[in-house]
Amino acid sequence: MGKNKRIRKRIDSLEGRIRQHEQKIEEEKKRVIPDAGLINHWEIEIKGWQEQIERKHKRLPGRK
């Protein structure tokens, strides 16, 4: 597998994890007593993954 394909595959994976965590956050917010600590944890993870995605996009050709 080529380098660019591996980068794109990793980006897709990270985007999938972001979607999963966003769904978890929405479900948690619907609870009678949402766990703010869990929500905060998931939001921090999402932010980290978004930063990784930005760095990986810069490594792709023509995406600087």
PDB file of N, CA and C in Angstrom:
ATOM      1  N   MET A   1       0.851  -1.166   0.000  1.00  0.00           N
ATOM      2  CA  MET A   1       0.000   0.000   0.000  1.00  0.00           C
ATOM      3  C   MET A   1       0.897   1.229   0.000  1.00  0.00           C
ATOM      4  N   GLY A   2       0.585   2.175  -0.847  1.00  0.00           N
ATOM      5  CA  GLY A   2       1.382   3.391  -0.956  1.00  0.00           C
ATOM      6  C   GLY A   2       1.207   4.306   0.247  1.00  0.00           C
ATOM      7  N   LYS A   3       2.153   5.195   0.402  1.00  0.00           N
ATOM      8  CA  LYS A   3       2.155   6.120   1.537  1.00  0.00           C
ATOM      9  C   LYS A   3       0.889   6.976   1.569  1.00  0.00           C
ATOM     10  N   ASN A   4       0.512   7.523   0.418  1.00  0.00           N
ATOM     11  CA  ASN A   4      -0.671   8.382   0.363  1.00  0.00           C
ATOM     12  C   ASN A   4      -1.937   7.607   0.715  1.00  0.00           C
ATOM     13  N   LYS A   5      -2.001   6.374   0.268  1.00  0.00           N
ATOM     14  CA  LYS A   5      -3.178   5.562   0.562  1.00  0.00           C
ATOM     15  C   LYS A   5      -3.270   5.269   2.056  1.00  0.00           C
ATOM     16  N   ARG A   6      -2.120   5.014   2.684  1.00  0.00           N
ATOM     17  CA  ARG A   6      -2.107   4.765   4.135  1.00  0.00           C
ATOM     18  C   ARG A   6      -2.556   6.014   4.897  1.00  0.00           C
ATOM     19  N   ILE A   7      -2.104   7.169   4.442  1.00  0.00           N
ATOM     20  CA  ILE A   7      -2.494   8.425   5.093  1.00  0.00           C
ATOM     21  C   ILE A   7      -4.003   8.634   4.958  1.00  0.00           C
ATOM     22  N   ARG A   8      -4.536   8.431   3.760  1.00  0.00           N
ATOM     23  CA  ARG A   8      -5.981   8.608   3.545  1.00  0.00           C
ATOM     24  C   ARG A   8      -6.789   7.614   4.373  1.00  0.00           C
ATOM     25  N   LYS A   9      -6.285   6.385   4.466  1.00  0.00           N
ATOM     26  CA  LYS A   9      -6.970   5.358   5.250  1.00  0.00           C
ATOM     27  C   LYS A   9      -6.990   5.759   6.725  1.00  0.00           C
ATOM     28  N   ARG A  10      -5.892   6.302   7.221  1.00  0.00           N
ATOM     29  CA  ARG A  10      -5.824   6.745   8.615  1.00  0.00           C
ATOM     30  C   ARG A  10      -6.766   7.918   8.845  1.00  0.00           C
ATOM     31  N   ILE A  11      -6.835   8.837   7.890  1.00  0.00           N
ATOM     32  CA  ILE A  11      -7.759   9.970   8.004  1.00  0.00           C
ATOM     33  C   ILE A  11      -9.193   9.459   8.083  1.00  0.00           C
ATOM     34  N   ASP A  12      -9.554   8.517   7.222  1.00  0.00           N
ATOM     35  CA  ASP A  12     -10.892   7.939   7.238  1.00  0.00           C
ATOM     36  C   ASP A  12     -11.193   7.294   8.588  1.00  0.00           C
ATOM     37  N   SER A  13     -10.212   6.597   9.129  1.00  0.00           N
ATOM     38  CA  SER A  13     -10.375   5.937  10.422  1.00  0.00           C
ATOM     39  C   SER A  13     -10.615   6.967  11.526  1.00  0.00           C
ATOM     40  N   LEU A  14      -9.822   8.019  11.532  1.00  0.00           N
ATOM     41  CA  LEU A  14      -9.976   9.061  12.547  1.00  0.00           C
ATOM     42  C   LEU A  14     -11.334   9.759  12.417  1.00  0.00           C
ATOM     43  N   GLU A  15     -11.757  10.011  11.189  1.00  0.00           N
ATOM     44  CA  GLU A  15     -13.059  10.647  10.978  1.00  0.00           C
ATOM     45  C   GLU A  15     -14.191   9.752  11.482  1.00  0.00           C
ATOM     46  N   GLY A  16     -14.032   8.446  11.308  1.00  0.00           N
ATOM     47  CA  GLY A  16     -15.020   7.506  11.820  1.00  0.00           C
ATOM     48  C   GLY A  16     -15.092   7.537  13.337  1.00  0.00           C
ATOM     49  N   ARG A  17     -13.934   7.599  13.983  1.00  0.00           N
ATOM     50  CA  ARG A  17     -13.906   7.667  15.443  1.00  0.00           C
ATOM     51  C   ARG A  17     -14.526   8.962  15.940  1.00  0.00           C
ATOM     52  N   ILE A  18     -14.295  10.052  15.205  1.00  0.00           N
ATOM     53  CA  ILE A  18     -14.902  11.338  15.575  1.00  0.00           C
ATOM     54  C   ILE A  18     -16.422  11.218  15.514  1.00  0.00           C
ATOM     55  N   ARG A  19     -16.931  10.628  14.426  1.00  0.00           N
ATOM     56  CA  ARG A  19     -18.388  10.466  14.294  1.00  0.00           C
ATOM     57  C   ARG A  19     -18.947   9.622  15.441  1.00  0.00           C
ATOM     58  N   GLN A  20     -18.244   8.555  15.811  1.00  0.00           N
ATOM     59  CA  GLN A  20     -18.697   7.702  16.916  1.00  0.00           C
ATOM     60  C   GLN A  20     -18.764   8.491  18.219  1.00  0.00           C
ATOM     61  N   HIS A  21     -17.738   9.268  18.486  1.00  0.00           N
ATOM     62  CA  HIS A  21     -17.708  10.033  19.731  1.00  0.00           C
ATOM     63  C   HIS A  21     -18.759  11.143  19.723  1.00  0.00           C
ATOM     64  N   GLU A  22     -18.995  11.759  18.568  1.00  0.00           N
ATOM     65  CA  GLU A  22     -20.041  12.780  18.489  1.00  0.00           C
ATOM     66  C   GLU A  22     -21.400  12.161  18.795  1.00  0.00           C
ATOM     67  N   GLN A  23     -21.610  10.936  18.304  1.00  0.00           N
ATOM     68  CA  GLN A  23     -22.863  10.235  18.579  1.00  0.00           C
ATOM     69  C   GLN A  23     -22.967   9.912  20.076  1.00  0.00           C
ATOM     70  N   LYS A  24     -21.874   9.473  20.689  1.00  0.00           N
ATOM     71  CA  LYS A  24     -21.871   9.194  22.125  1.00  0.00           C
ATOM     72  C   LYS A  24     -22.200  10.447  22.925  1.00  0.00           C
ATOM     73  N   ILE A  25     -21.636  11.581  22.506  1.00  0.00           N
ATOM     74  CA  ILE A  25     -21.893  12.843  23.199  1.00  0.00           C
ATOM     75  C   ILE A  25     -23.377  13.192  23.122  1.00  0.00           C
ATOM     76  N   GLU A  26     -23.963  13.082  21.933  1.00  0.00           N
ATOM     77  CA  GLU A  26     -25.380  13.392  21.769  1.00  0.00           C
ATOM     78  C   GLU A  26     -26.245  12.473  22.629  1.00  0.00           C
ATOM     79  N   GLU A  27     -25.918  11.183  22.666  1.00  0.00           N
ATOM     80  CA  GLU A  27     -26.683  10.245  23.477  1.00  0.00           C
ATOM     81  C   GLU A  27     -26.543  10.566  24.962  1.00  0.00           C
ATOM     82  N   GLU A  28     -25.342  10.917  25.380  1.00  0.00           N
ATOM     83  CA  GLU A  28     -25.107  11.242  26.789  1.00  0.00           C
ATOM     84  C   GLU A  28     -25.861  12.507  27.184  1.00  0.00           C
ATOM     85  N   LYS A  29     -25.920  13.497  26.292  1.00  0.00           N
ATOM     86  CA  LYS A  29     -26.628  14.752  26.584  1.00  0.00           C
ATOM     87  C   LYS A  29     -28.135  14.528  26.740  1.00  0.00           C
ATOM     88  N   LYS A  30     -28.669  13.477  26.136  1.00  0.00           N
ATOM     89  CA  LYS A  30     -30.102  13.183  26.221  1.00  0.00           C
ATOM     90  C   LYS A  30     -30.482  12.522  27.543  1.00  0.00           C
ATOM     91  N   ARG A  31     -29.485  12.040  28.290  1.00  0.00           N
ATOM     92  CA  ARG A  31     -29.765  11.377  29.561  1.00  0.00           C
ATOM     93  C   ARG A  31     -30.295  12.387  30.571  1.00  0.00           C
ATOM     94  N   VAL A  32     -30.997  11.883  31.570  1.00  0.00           N
ATOM     95  CA  VAL A  32     -31.555  12.740  32.613  1.00  0.00           C
ATOM     96  C   VAL A  32     -30.422  13.489  33.323  1.00  0.00           C
ATOM     97  N   ILE A  33     -29.368  12.773  33.658  1.00  0.00           N
ATOM     98  CA  ILE A  33     -28.210  13.391  34.294  1.00  0.00           C
ATOM     99  C   ILE A  33     -26.979  13.026  33.468  1.00  0.00           C
ATOM    100  N   PRO A  34     -26.632  13.870  32.490  1.00  0.00           N
ATOM    101  CA  PRO A  34     -25.475  13.564  31.638  1.00  0.00           C
ATOM    102  C   PRO A  34     -24.173  13.631  32.443  1.00  0.00           C
ATOM    103  N   ASP A  35     -23.244  12.766  32.103  1.00  0.00           N
ATOM    104  CA  ASP A  35     -21.933  12.727  32.754  1.00  0.00           C
ATOM    105  C   ASP A  35     -21.015  13.733  32.050  1.00  0.00           C
ATOM    106  N   ALA A  36     -20.845  14.889  32.678  1.00  0.00           N
ATOM    107  CA  ALA A  36     -20.046  15.959  32.074  1.00  0.00           C
ATOM    108  C   ALA A  36     -18.594  15.537  31.895  1.00  0.00           C
ATOM    109  N   GLY A  37     -18.088  14.711  32.792  1.00  0.00           N
ATOM    110  CA  GLY A  37     -16.713  14.238  32.688  1.00  0.00           C
ATOM    111  C   GLY A  37     -16.502  13.402  31.439  1.00  0.00           C
ATOM    112  N   LEU A  38     -17.450  12.517  31.153  1.00  0.00           N
ATOM    113  CA  LEU A  38     -17.365  11.688  29.941  1.00  0.00           C
ATOM    114  C   LEU A  38     -17.431  12.555  28.696  1.00  0.00           C
ATOM    115  N   ILE A  39     -18.370  13.487  28.695  1.00  0.00           N
ATOM    116  CA  ILE A  39     -18.526  14.372  27.538  1.00  0.00           C
ATOM    117  C   ILE A  39     -17.238  15.155  27.308  1.00  0.00           C
ATOM    118  N   ASN A  40     -16.664  15.691  28.370  1.00  0.00           N
ATOM    119  CA  ASN A  40     -15.423  16.440  28.259  1.00  0.00           C
ATOM    120  C   ASN A  40     -14.302  15.555  27.712  1.00  0.00           C
ATOM    121  N   HIS A  41     -14.210  14.341  28.214  1.00  0.00           N
ATOM    122  CA  HIS A  41     -13.186  13.399  27.745  1.00  0.00           C
ATOM    123  C   HIS A  41     -13.326  13.152  26.244  1.00  0.00           C
ATOM    124  N   TRP A  42     -14.550  12.887  25.799  1.00  0.00           N
ATOM    125  CA  TRP A  42     -14.771  12.622  24.379  1.00  0.00           C
ATOM    126  C   TRP A  42     -14.458  13.843  23.533  1.00  0.00           C
ATOM    127  N   GLU A  43     -14.795  15.031  24.023  1.00  0.00           N
ATOM    128  CA  GLU A  43     -14.503  16.251  23.267  1.00  0.00           C
ATOM    129  C   GLU A  43     -12.994  16.474  23.135  1.00  0.00           C
ATOM    130  N   ILE A  44     -12.248  16.154  24.182  1.00  0.00           N
ATOM    131  CA  ILE A  44     -10.793  16.279  24.123  1.00  0.00           C
ATOM    132  C   ILE A  44     -10.218  15.304  23.096  1.00  0.00           C
ATOM    133  N   GLU A  45     -10.724  14.069  23.098  1.00  0.00           N
ATOM    134  CA  GLU A  45     -10.263  13.090  22.110  1.00  0.00           C
ATOM    135  C   GLU A  45     -10.568  13.557  20.694  1.00  0.00           C
ATOM    136  N   ILE A  46     -11.763  14.078  20.477  1.00  0.00           N
ATOM    137  CA  ILE A  46     -12.154  14.578  19.151  1.00  0.00           C
ATOM    138  C   ILE A  46     -11.195  15.674  18.709  1.00  0.00           C
ATOM    139  N   LYS A  47     -10.887  16.600  19.603  1.00  0.00           N
ATOM    140  CA  LYS A  47      -9.980  17.695  19.257  1.00  0.00           C
ATOM    141  C   LYS A  47      -8.614  17.148  18.843  1.00  0.00           C
ATOM    142  N   GLY A  48      -8.105  16.177  19.579  1.00  0.00           N
ATOM    143  CA  GLY A  48      -6.818  15.570  19.243  1.00  0.00           C
ATOM    144  C   GLY A  48      -6.846  14.898  17.884  1.00  0.00           C
ATOM    145  N   TRP A  49      -7.921  14.191  17.601  1.00  0.00           N
ATOM    146  CA  TRP A  49      -8.035  13.514  16.306  1.00  0.00           C
ATOM    147  C   TRP A  49      -8.152  14.519  15.172  1.00  0.00           C
ATOM    148  N   GLN A  50      -8.856  15.625  15.412  1.00  0.00           N
ATOM    149  CA  GLN A  50      -8.964  16.659  14.382  1.00  0.00           C
ATOM    150  C   GLN A  50      -7.592  17.259  14.077  1.00  0.00           C
ATOM    151  N   GLU A  51      -6.784  17.437  15.095  1.00  0.00           N
ATOM    152  CA  GLU A  51      -5.436  17.951  14.879  1.00  0.00           C
ATOM    153  C   GLU A  51      -4.591  16.962  14.089  1.00  0.00           C
ATOM    154  N   GLN A  52      -4.744  15.667  14.392  1.00  0.00           N
ATOM    155  CA  GLN A  52      -4.022  14.642  13.630  1.00  0.00           C
ATOM    156  C   GLN A  52      -4.433  14.663  12.164  1.00  0.00           C
ATOM    157  N   ILE A  53      -5.734  14.808  11.927  1.00  0.00           N
ATOM    158  CA  ILE A  53      -6.242  14.847  10.552  1.00  0.00           C
ATOM    159  C   ILE A  53      -5.632  16.031   9.805  1.00  0.00           C
ATOM    160  N   GLU A  54      -5.582  17.204  10.445  1.00  0.00           N
ATOM    161  CA  GLU A  54      -4.998  18.379   9.800  1.00  0.00           C
ATOM    162  C   GLU A  54      -3.539  18.128   9.427  1.00  0.00           C
ATOM    163  N   ARG A  55      -2.779  17.525  10.347  1.00  0.00           N
ATOM    164  CA  ARG A  55      -1.367  17.233  10.066  1.00  0.00           C
ATOM    165  C   ARG A  55      -1.237  16.234   8.921  1.00  0.00           C
ATOM    166  N   LYS A  56      -2.105  15.238   8.889  1.00  0.00           N
ATOM    167  CA  LYS A  56      -2.031  14.225   7.841  1.00  0.00           C
ATOM    168  C   LYS A  56      -2.408  14.801   6.480  1.00  0.00           C
ATOM    169  N   HIS A  57      -3.375  15.725   6.463  1.00  0.00           N
ATOM    170  CA  HIS A  57      -3.744  16.374   5.207  1.00  0.00           C
ATOM    171  C   HIS A  57      -2.550  17.142   4.623  1.00  0.00           C
ATOM    172  N   LYS A  58      -1.753  17.738   5.490  1.00  0.00           N
ATOM    173  CA  LYS A  58      -0.589  18.481   5.021  1.00  0.00           C
ATOM    174  C   LYS A  58       0.459  17.569   4.388  1.00  0.00           C
ATOM    175  N   ARG A  59       0.436  16.293   4.738  1.00  0.00           N
ATOM    176  CA  ARG A  59       1.404  15.347   4.197  1.00  0.00           C
ATOM    177  C   ARG A  59       1.006  14.816   2.820  1.00  0.00           C
ATOM    178  N   LEU A  60      -0.252  15.051   2.454  1.00  0.00           N
ATOM    179  CA  LEU A  60      -0.713  14.588   1.151  1.00  0.00           C
ATOM    180  C   LEU A  60      -0.263  15.564   0.065  1.00  0.00           C
ATOM    181  N   PRO A  61       0.011  15.074  -1.128  1.00  0.00           N
ATOM    182  CA  PRO A  61       0.454  15.960  -2.213  1.00  0.00           C
ATOM    183  C   PRO A  61      -0.632  16.970  -2.579  1.00  0.00           C
ATOM    184  N   GLY A  62      -0.205  18.210  -2.802  1.00  0.00           N
ATOM    185  CA  GLY A  62      -1.120  19.252  -3.229  1.00  0.00           C
ATOM    186  C   GLY A  62      -2.063  19.732  -2.152  1.00  0.00           C
ATOM    187  N   ARG A  63      -1.800  19.418  -0.892  1.00  0.00           N
ATOM    188  CA  ARG A  63      -2.716  19.788   0.190  1.00  0.00           C
ATOM    189  C   ARG A  63      -2.057  20.640   1.258  1.00  0.00           C
ATOM    190  N   LYS A  64      -1.061  21.430   0.907  1.00  0.00           N
ATOM    191  CA  LYS A  64      -0.332  22.205   1.910  1.00  0.00           C
ATOM    192  C   LYS A  64      -0.971  23.513   2.243  1.00  0.00           C
TER     193      LYS A  64
END
